[in-house]
Amino acid sequence: MQLKTSTKITGLATKSEIARRLGVNPQLVAYWFKQGVPPHRIIPFCAALNWEVTPHQVDSELYPNPTDGLPSNQNNNTPGV
């Protein structure tokens, strides 16, 4: 995850808030910020942020196109790509 994306995420919600939304502990979310969000958590992670951050922004190798991983109703409103 790029620094720009991390900064955007922390402007949307605290690590504790993200953890609460995902049902995990805040230390795990802090670890993801350092090591990357696991592939099976990227979609729920973005959904917890109301799609203000896209799967592409979280992991551009796994989601190479800006609209990859977005729900169909979000494909036309790709934020900050």
PDB file of N, CA and C in Angstrom:
ATOM      1  N   MET A   1       0.851  -1.165   0.000  1.00  0.00           N
ATOM      2  CA  MET A   1       0.000   0.000   0.000  1.00  0.00           C
ATOM      3  C   MET A   1       0.901   1.234   0.000  1.00  0.00           C
ATOM      4  N   GLN A   2       0.581   2.166  -0.875  1.00  0.00           N
ATOM      5  CA  GLN A   2       1.374   3.383  -0.973  1.00  0.00           C
ATOM      6  C   GLN A   2       1.076   4.328   0.187  1.00  0.00           C
ATOM      7  N   LEU A   3       2.033   5.192   0.492  1.00  0.00           N
ATOM      8  CA  LEU A   3       1.876   6.169   1.565  1.00  0.00           C
ATOM      9  C   LEU A   3       0.659   7.055   1.321  1.00  0.00           C
ATOM     10  N   LYS A   4       0.461   7.446   0.074  1.00  0.00           N
ATOM     11  CA  LYS A   4      -0.696   8.284  -0.286  1.00  0.00           C
ATOM     12  C   LYS A   4      -2.008   7.589   0.096  1.00  0.00           C
ATOM     13  N   THR A   5      -2.090   6.299  -0.157  1.00  0.00           N
ATOM     14  CA  THR A   5      -3.292   5.528   0.182  1.00  0.00           C
ATOM     15  C   THR A   5      -3.441   5.406   1.695  1.00  0.00           C
ATOM     16  N   SER A   6      -2.347   5.133   2.394  1.00  0.00           N
ATOM     17  CA  SER A   6      -2.391   5.041   3.858  1.00  0.00           C
ATOM     18  C   SER A   6      -2.878   6.346   4.471  1.00  0.00           C
ATOM     19  N   THR A   7      -2.380   7.455   3.949  1.00  0.00           N
ATOM     20  CA  THR A   7      -2.785   8.768   4.448  1.00  0.00           C
ATOM     21  C   THR A   7      -4.267   9.005   4.197  1.00  0.00           C
ATOM     22  N   LYS A   8      -4.725   8.626   3.022  1.00  0.00           N
ATOM     23  CA  LYS A   8      -6.149   8.786   2.703  1.00  0.00           C
ATOM     24  C   LYS A   8      -7.005   7.955   3.662  1.00  0.00           C
ATOM     25  N   ILE A   9      -6.587   6.725   3.910  1.00  0.00           N
ATOM     26  CA  ILE A   9      -7.345   5.834   4.794  1.00  0.00           C
ATOM     27  C   ILE A   9      -7.421   6.413   6.203  1.00  0.00           C
ATOM     28  N   THR A  10      -6.294   6.881   6.729  1.00  0.00           N
ATOM     29  CA  THR A  10      -6.306   7.414   8.090  1.00  0.00           C
ATOM     30  C   THR A  10      -7.118   8.695   8.185  1.00  0.00           C
ATOM     31  N   GLY A  11      -7.337   9.368   7.071  1.00  0.00           N
ATOM     32  CA  GLY A  11      -8.230  10.523   7.059  1.00  0.00           C
ATOM     33  C   GLY A  11      -9.694  10.120   7.074  1.00  0.00           C
ATOM     34  N   LEU A  12      -9.981   8.885   6.695  1.00  0.00           N
ATOM     35  CA  LEU A  12     -11.364   8.394   6.651  1.00  0.00           C
ATOM     36  C   LEU A  12     -11.791   7.728   7.954  1.00  0.00           C
ATOM     37  N   ALA A  13     -10.873   6.995   8.575  1.00  0.00           N
ATOM     38  CA  ALA A  13     -11.205   6.262   9.805  1.00  0.00           C
ATOM     39  C   ALA A  13      -9.917   5.902  10.531  1.00  0.00           C
ATOM     40  N   THR A  14     -10.005   5.801  11.841  1.00  0.00           N
ATOM     41  CA  THR A  14      -8.841   5.362  12.615  1.00  0.00           C
ATOM     42  C   THR A  14      -8.657   3.854  12.426  1.00  0.00           C
ATOM     43  N   LYS A  15      -7.491   3.387  12.763  1.00  0.00           N
ATOM     44  CA  LYS A  15      -7.234   1.945  12.691  1.00  0.00           C
ATOM     45  C   LYS A  15      -8.182   1.191  13.614  1.00  0.00           C
ATOM     46  N   SER A  16      -8.472   1.788  14.766  1.00  0.00           N
ATOM     47  CA  SER A  16      -9.417   1.158  15.702  1.00  0.00           C
ATOM     48  C   SER A  16     -10.811   1.072  15.108  1.00  0.00           C
ATOM     49  N   GLU A  17     -11.231   2.117  14.413  1.00  0.00           N
ATOM     50  CA  GLU A  17     -12.556   2.114  13.792  1.00  0.00           C
ATOM     51  C   GLU A  17     -12.619   1.085  12.661  1.00  0.00           C
ATOM     52  N   ILE A  18     -11.580   1.017  11.859  1.00  0.00           N
ATOM     53  CA  ILE A  18     -11.534   0.016  10.787  1.00  0.00           C
ATOM     54  C   ILE A  18     -11.598  -1.384  11.392  1.00  0.00           C
ATOM     55  N   ALA A  19     -10.830  -1.600  12.449  1.00  0.00           N
ATOM     56  CA  ALA A  19     -10.822  -2.906  13.124  1.00  0.00           C
ATOM     57  C   ALA A  19     -12.213  -3.258  13.638  1.00  0.00           C
ATOM     58  N   ARG A  20     -12.888  -2.298  14.252  1.00  0.00           N
ATOM     59  CA  ARG A  20     -14.233  -2.547  14.770  1.00  0.00           C
ATOM     60  C   ARG A  20     -15.185  -2.922  13.639  1.00  0.00           C
ATOM     61  N   ARG A  21     -15.092  -2.206  12.527  1.00  0.00           N
ATOM     62  CA  ARG A  21     -15.971  -2.488  11.382  1.00  0.00           C
ATOM     63  C   ARG A  21     -15.724  -3.876  10.799  1.00  0.00           C
ATOM     64  N   LEU A  22     -14.483  -4.339  10.888  1.00  0.00           N
ATOM     65  CA  LEU A  22     -14.126  -5.645  10.319  1.00  0.00           C
ATOM     66  C   LEU A  22     -14.166  -6.782  11.337  1.00  0.00           C
ATOM     67  N   GLY A  23     -14.325  -6.453  12.605  1.00  0.00           N
ATOM     68  CA  GLY A  23     -14.356  -7.484  13.635  1.00  0.00           C
ATOM     69  C   GLY A  23     -12.999  -8.095  13.935  1.00  0.00           C
ATOM     70  N   VAL A  24     -11.943  -7.288  13.790  1.00  0.00           N
ATOM     71  CA  VAL A  24     -10.589  -7.741  14.112  1.00  0.00           C
ATOM     72  C   VAL A  24      -9.998  -6.774  15.137  1.00  0.00           C
ATOM     73  N   ASN A  25      -8.803  -7.084  15.647  1.00  0.00           N
ATOM     74  CA  ASN A  25      -8.231  -6.158  16.619  1.00  0.00           C
ATOM     75  C   ASN A  25      -7.396  -5.080  15.924  1.00  0.00           C
ATOM     76  N   PRO A  26      -7.262  -3.908  16.558  1.00  0.00           N
ATOM     77  CA  PRO A  26      -6.545  -2.788  15.943  1.00  0.00           C
ATOM     78  C   PRO A  26      -5.085  -3.097  15.616  1.00  0.00           C
ATOM     79  N   GLN A  27      -4.451  -3.972  16.394  1.00  0.00           N
ATOM     80  CA  GLN A  27      -3.064  -4.327  16.112  1.00  0.00           C
ATOM     81  C   GLN A  27      -2.940  -5.020  14.759  1.00  0.00           C
ATOM     82  N   LEU A  28      -3.939  -5.803  14.409  1.00  0.00           N
ATOM     83  CA  LEU A  28      -3.928  -6.478  13.112  1.00  0.00           C
ATOM     84  C   LEU A  28      -4.027  -5.455  11.983  1.00  0.00           C
ATOM     85  N   VAL A  29      -4.891  -4.476  12.145  1.00  0.00           N
ATOM     86  CA  VAL A  29      -5.029  -3.427  11.124  1.00  0.00           C
ATOM     87  C   VAL A  29      -3.720  -2.637  11.016  1.00  0.00           C
ATOM     88  N   ALA A  30      -3.097  -2.325  12.136  1.00  0.00           N
ATOM     89  CA  ALA A  30      -1.809  -1.621  12.116  1.00  0.00           C
ATOM     90  C   ALA A  30      -0.761  -2.450  11.368  1.00  0.00           C
ATOM     91  N   TYR A  31      -0.779  -3.757  11.567  1.00  0.00           N
ATOM     92  CA  TYR A  31       0.129  -4.658  10.852  1.00  0.00           C
ATOM     93  C   TYR A  31      -0.128  -4.586   9.346  1.00  0.00           C
ATOM     94  N   TRP A  32      -1.400  -4.546   8.954  1.00  0.00           N
ATOM     95  CA  TRP A  32      -1.736  -4.459   7.530  1.00  0.00           C
ATOM     96  C   TRP A  32      -1.186  -3.183   6.912  1.00  0.00           C
ATOM     97  N   PHE A  33      -1.193  -2.089   7.662  1.00  0.00           N
ATOM     98  CA  PHE A  33      -0.660  -0.836   7.139  1.00  0.00           C
ATOM     99  C   PHE A  33       0.828  -0.968   6.838  1.00  0.00           C
ATOM    100  N   LYS A  34       1.535  -1.780   7.617  1.00  0.00           N
ATOM    101  CA  LYS A  34       2.972  -1.974   7.411  1.00  0.00           C
ATOM    102  C   LYS A  34       3.268  -3.045   6.369  1.00  0.00           C
ATOM    103  N   GLN A  35       2.508  -4.150   6.411  1.00  0.00           N
ATOM    104  CA  GLN A  35       2.823  -5.315   5.591  1.00  0.00           C
ATOM    105  C   GLN A  35       1.884  -5.535   4.410  1.00  0.00           C
ATOM    106  N   GLY A  36       0.796  -4.801   4.366  1.00  0.00           N
ATOM    107  CA  GLY A  36      -0.186  -4.977   3.298  1.00  0.00           C
ATOM    108  C   GLY A  36      -1.402  -5.747   3.783  1.00  0.00           C
ATOM    109  N   VAL A  37      -2.528  -5.398   3.225  1.00  0.00           N
ATOM    110  CA  VAL A  37      -3.788  -6.067   3.566  1.00  0.00           C
ATOM    111  C   VAL A  37      -3.792  -7.429   2.878  1.00  0.00           C
ATOM    112  N   PRO A  38      -4.098  -8.507   3.597  1.00  0.00           N
ATOM    113  CA  PRO A  38      -4.140  -9.829   2.967  1.00  0.00           C
ATOM    114  C   PRO A  38      -5.182  -9.858   1.839  1.00  0.00           C
ATOM    115  N   PRO A  39      -4.902 -10.588   0.774  1.00  0.00           N
ATOM    116  CA  PRO A  39      -5.820 -10.617  -0.372  1.00  0.00           C
ATOM    117  C   PRO A  39      -7.275 -10.902  -0.012  1.00  0.00           C
ATOM    118  N   HIS A  40      -7.524 -11.818   0.911  1.00  0.00           N
ATOM    119  CA  HIS A  40      -8.909 -12.165   1.251  1.00  0.00           C
ATOM    120  C   HIS A  40      -9.595 -11.087   2.087  1.00  0.00           C
ATOM    121  N   ARG A  41      -8.843 -10.088   2.529  1.00  0.00           N
ATOM    122  CA  ARG A  41      -9.414  -9.003   3.338  1.00  0.00           C
ATOM    123  C   ARG A  41      -9.576  -7.694   2.557  1.00  0.00           C
ATOM    124  N   ILE A  42      -9.067  -7.614   1.351  1.00  0.00           N
ATOM    125  CA  ILE A  42      -9.085  -6.343   0.617  1.00  0.00           C
ATOM    126  C   ILE A  42     -10.503  -5.862   0.333  1.00  0.00           C
ATOM    127  N   ILE A  43     -11.366  -6.716  -0.170  1.00  0.00           N
ATOM    128  CA  ILE A  43     -12.743  -6.300  -0.487  1.00  0.00           C
ATOM    129  C   ILE A  43     -13.481  -5.871   0.783  1.00  0.00           C
ATOM    130  N   PRO A  44     -13.472  -6.675   1.866  1.00  0.00           N
ATOM    131  CA  PRO A  44     -14.126  -6.215   3.095  1.00  0.00           C
ATOM    132  C   PRO A  44     -13.507  -4.925   3.652  1.00  0.00           C
ATOM    133  N   PHE A  45     -12.194  -4.790   3.517  1.00  0.00           N
ATOM    134  CA  PHE A  45     -11.493  -3.593   3.982  1.00  0.00           C
ATOM    135  C   PHE A  45     -12.015  -2.359   3.248  1.00  0.00           C
ATOM    136  N   CYS A  46     -12.109  -2.440   1.940  1.00  0.00           N
ATOM    137  CA  CYS A  46     -12.607  -1.314   1.142  1.00  0.00           C
ATOM    138  C   CYS A  46     -14.082  -1.045   1.431  1.00  0.00           C
ATOM    139  N   ALA A  47     -14.855  -2.095   1.595  1.00  0.00           N
ATOM    140  CA  ALA A  47     -16.277  -1.931   1.921  1.00  0.00           C
ATOM    141  C   ALA A  47     -16.439  -1.242   3.274  1.00  0.00           C
ATOM    142  N   ALA A  48     -15.573  -1.570   4.234  1.00  0.00           N
ATOM    143  CA  ALA A  48     -15.630  -0.940   5.558  1.00  0.00           C
ATOM    144  C   ALA A  48     -15.341   0.553   5.482  1.00  0.00           C
ATOM    145  N   LEU A  49     -14.672   0.962   4.418  1.00  0.00           N
ATOM    146  CA  LEU A  49     -14.367   2.379   4.194  1.00  0.00           C
ATOM    147  C   LEU A  49     -15.337   2.997   3.190  1.00  0.00           C
ATOM    148  N   ASN A  50     -16.472   2.340   2.994  1.00  0.00           N
ATOM    149  CA  ASN A  50     -17.512   2.822   2.064  1.00  0.00           C
ATOM    150  C   ASN A  50     -16.982   3.058   0.652  1.00  0.00           C
ATOM    151  N   TRP A  51     -16.016   2.246   0.245  1.00  0.00           N
ATOM    152  CA  TRP A  51     -15.442   2.285  -1.098  1.00  0.00           C
ATOM    153  C   TRP A  51     -14.765   3.618  -1.419  1.00  0.00           C
ATOM    154  N   GLU A  52     -14.426   4.398  -0.379  1.00  0.00           N
ATOM    155  CA  GLU A  52     -13.668   5.641  -0.585  1.00  0.00           C
ATOM    156  C   GLU A  52     -12.233   5.316  -1.001  1.00  0.00           C
ATOM    157  N   VAL A  53     -11.803   4.104  -0.692  1.00  0.00           N
ATOM    158  CA  VAL A  53     -10.517   3.568  -1.125  1.00  0.00           C
ATOM    159  C   VAL A  53     -10.835   2.310  -1.913  1.00  0.00           C
ATOM    160  N   THR A  54     -10.246   2.175  -3.086  1.00  0.00           N
ATOM    161  CA  THR A  54     -10.559   1.049  -3.964  1.00  0.00           C
ATOM    162  C   THR A  54      -9.579  -0.112  -3.753  1.00  0.00           C
ATOM    163  N   PRO A  55      -9.989  -1.322  -4.134  1.00  0.00           N
ATOM    164  CA  PRO A  55      -9.053  -2.452  -4.081  1.00  0.00           C
ATOM    165  C   PRO A  55      -7.772  -2.166  -4.874  1.00  0.00           C
ATOM    166  N   HIS A  56      -7.897  -1.481  -5.991  1.00  0.00           N
ATOM    167  CA  HIS A  56      -6.737  -1.109  -6.807  1.00  0.00           C
ATOM    168  C   HIS A  56      -5.756  -0.247  -6.008  1.00  0.00           C
ATOM    169  N   GLN A  57      -6.282   0.671  -5.201  1.00  0.00           N
ATOM    170  CA  GLN A  57      -5.417   1.531  -4.397  1.00  0.00           C
ATOM    171  C   GLN A  57      -4.749   0.755  -3.264  1.00  0.00           C
ATOM    172  N   VAL A  58      -5.404  -0.268  -2.771  1.00  0.00           N
ATOM    173  CA  VAL A  58      -4.847  -1.075  -1.681  1.00  0.00           C
ATOM    174  C   VAL A  58      -3.790  -2.045  -2.207  1.00  0.00           C
ATOM    175  N   ASP A  59      -4.043  -2.681  -3.343  1.00  0.00           N
ATOM    176  CA  ASP A  59      -3.094  -3.635  -3.929  1.00  0.00           C
ATOM    177  C   ASP A  59      -3.228  -3.608  -5.449  1.00  0.00           C
ATOM    178  N   SER A  60      -2.415  -2.771  -6.074  1.00  0.00           N
ATOM    179  CA  SER A  60      -2.517  -2.595  -7.526  1.00  0.00           C
ATOM    180  C   SER A  60      -1.995  -3.799  -8.313  1.00  0.00           C
ATOM    181  N   GLU A  61      -1.241  -4.683  -7.678  1.00  0.00           N
ATOM    182  CA  GLU A  61      -0.805  -5.899  -8.373  1.00  0.00           C
ATOM    183  C   GLU A  61      -1.940  -6.912  -8.455  1.00  0.00           C
ATOM    184  N   LEU A  62      -2.685  -7.048  -7.379  1.00  0.00           N
ATOM    185  CA  LEU A  62      -3.805  -7.985  -7.349  1.00  0.00           C
ATOM    186  C   LEU A  62      -5.008  -7.437  -8.117  1.00  0.00           C
ATOM    187  N   TYR A  63      -5.188  -6.125  -8.071  1.00  0.00           N
ATOM    188  CA  TYR A  63      -6.296  -5.444  -8.759  1.00  0.00           C
ATOM    189  C   TYR A  63      -5.698  -4.405  -9.702  1.00  0.00           C
ATOM    190  N   PRO A  64      -5.203  -4.824 -10.874  1.00  0.00           N
ATOM    191  CA  PRO A  64      -4.454  -3.917 -11.749  1.00  0.00           C
ATOM    192  C   PRO A  64      -5.272  -2.793 -12.390  1.00  0.00           C
ATOM    193  N   ASN A  65      -6.562  -2.984 -12.578  1.00  0.00           N
ATOM    194  CA  ASN A  65      -7.387  -1.938 -13.186  1.00  0.00           C
ATOM    195  C   ASN A  65      -8.090  -1.142 -12.092  1.00  0.00           C
ATOM    196  N   PRO A  66      -8.243   0.160 -12.267  1.00  0.00           N
ATOM    197  CA  PRO A  66      -8.850   1.001 -11.231  1.00  0.00           C
ATOM    198  C   PRO A  66     -10.229   0.554 -10.761  1.00  0.00           C
ATOM    199  N   THR A  67     -10.988  -0.132 -11.604  1.00  0.00           N
ATOM    200  CA  THR A  67     -12.332  -0.553 -11.202  1.00  0.00           C
ATOM    201  C   THR A  67     -12.401  -2.014 -10.758  1.00  0.00           C
ATOM    202  N   ASP A  68     -11.288  -2.725 -10.779  1.00  0.00           N
ATOM    203  CA  ASP A  68     -11.276  -4.128 -10.341  1.00  0.00           C
ATOM    204  C   ASP A  68     -11.692  -4.236  -8.880  1.00  0.00           C
ATOM    205  N   GLY A  69     -12.571  -5.170  -8.598  1.00  0.00           N
ATOM    206  CA  GLY A  69     -12.997  -5.440  -7.240  1.00  0.00           C
ATOM    207  C   GLY A  69     -14.113  -4.555  -6.725  1.00  0.00           C
ATOM    208  N   LEU A  70     -14.475  -3.532  -7.487  1.00  0.00           N
ATOM    209  CA  LEU A  70     -15.548  -2.637  -7.046  1.00  0.00           C
ATOM    210  C   LEU A  70     -16.907  -3.255  -7.320  1.00  0.00           C
ATOM    211  N   PRO A  71     -17.887  -2.994  -6.451  1.00  0.00           N
ATOM    212  CA  PRO A  71     -19.245  -3.441  -6.763  1.00  0.00           C
ATOM    213  C   PRO A  71     -19.732  -2.716  -8.014  1.00  0.00           C
ATOM    214  N   SER A  72     -20.642  -3.316  -8.738  1.00  0.00           N
ATOM    215  CA  SER A  72     -21.084  -2.742 -10.014  1.00  0.00           C
ATOM    216  C   SER A  72     -21.626  -1.328  -9.873  1.00  0.00           C
ATOM    217  N   ASN A  73     -22.239  -0.987  -8.748  1.00  0.00           N
ATOM    218  CA  ASN A  73     -22.768   0.370  -8.594  1.00  0.00           C
ATOM    219  C   ASN A  73     -21.668   1.390  -8.308  1.00  0.00           C
ATOM    220  N   GLN A  74     -20.445   0.959  -8.076  1.00  0.00           N
ATOM    221  CA  GLN A  74     -19.322   1.860  -7.814  1.00  0.00           C
ATOM    222  C   GLN A  74     -18.416   2.035  -9.032  1.00  0.00           C
ATOM    223  N   ASN A  75     -18.564   1.220 -10.045  1.00  0.00           N
ATOM    224  CA  ASN A  75     -17.650   1.251 -11.183  1.00  0.00           C
ATOM    225  C   ASN A  75     -17.613   2.583 -11.912  1.00  0.00           C
ATOM    226  N   ASN A  76     -18.677   3.346 -11.887  1.00  0.00           N
ATOM    227  CA  ASN A  76     -18.701   4.620 -12.594  1.00  0.00           C
ATOM    228  C   ASN A  76     -18.226   5.787 -11.743  1.00  0.00           C
ATOM    229  N   ASN A  77     -18.040   5.574 -10.446  1.00  0.00           N
ATOM    230  CA  ASN A  77     -17.641   6.658  -9.543  1.00  0.00           C
ATOM    231  C   ASN A  77     -16.313   6.348  -8.876  1.00  0.00           C
ATOM    232  N   THR A  78     -15.325   5.931  -9.605  1.00  0.00           N
ATOM    233  CA  THR A  78     -14.065   5.531  -9.006  1.00  0.00           C
ATOM    234  C   THR A  78     -13.420   6.720  -8.304  1.00  0.00           C
ATOM    235  N   PRO A  79     -13.303   6.676  -6.955  1.00  0.00           N
ATOM    236  CA  PRO A  79     -12.760   7.809  -6.221  1.00  0.00           C
ATOM    237  C   PRO A  79     -11.245   7.885  -6.290  1.00  0.00           C
ATOM    238  N   GLY A  80     -10.733   9.041  -6.548  1.00  0.00           N
ATOM    239  CA  GLY A  80      -9.317   9.343  -6.450  1.00  0.00           C
ATOM    240  C   GLY A  80      -8.362   8.413  -7.142  1.00  0.00           C
ATOM    241  N   VAL A  81      -8.702   7.895  -8.290  1.00  0.00           N
ATOM    242  CA  VAL A  81      -7.813   6.972  -8.996  1.00  0.00           C
ATOM    243  C   VAL A  81      -6.966   7.746  -9.963  1.00  0.00           C
TER     244      VAL A  81
END
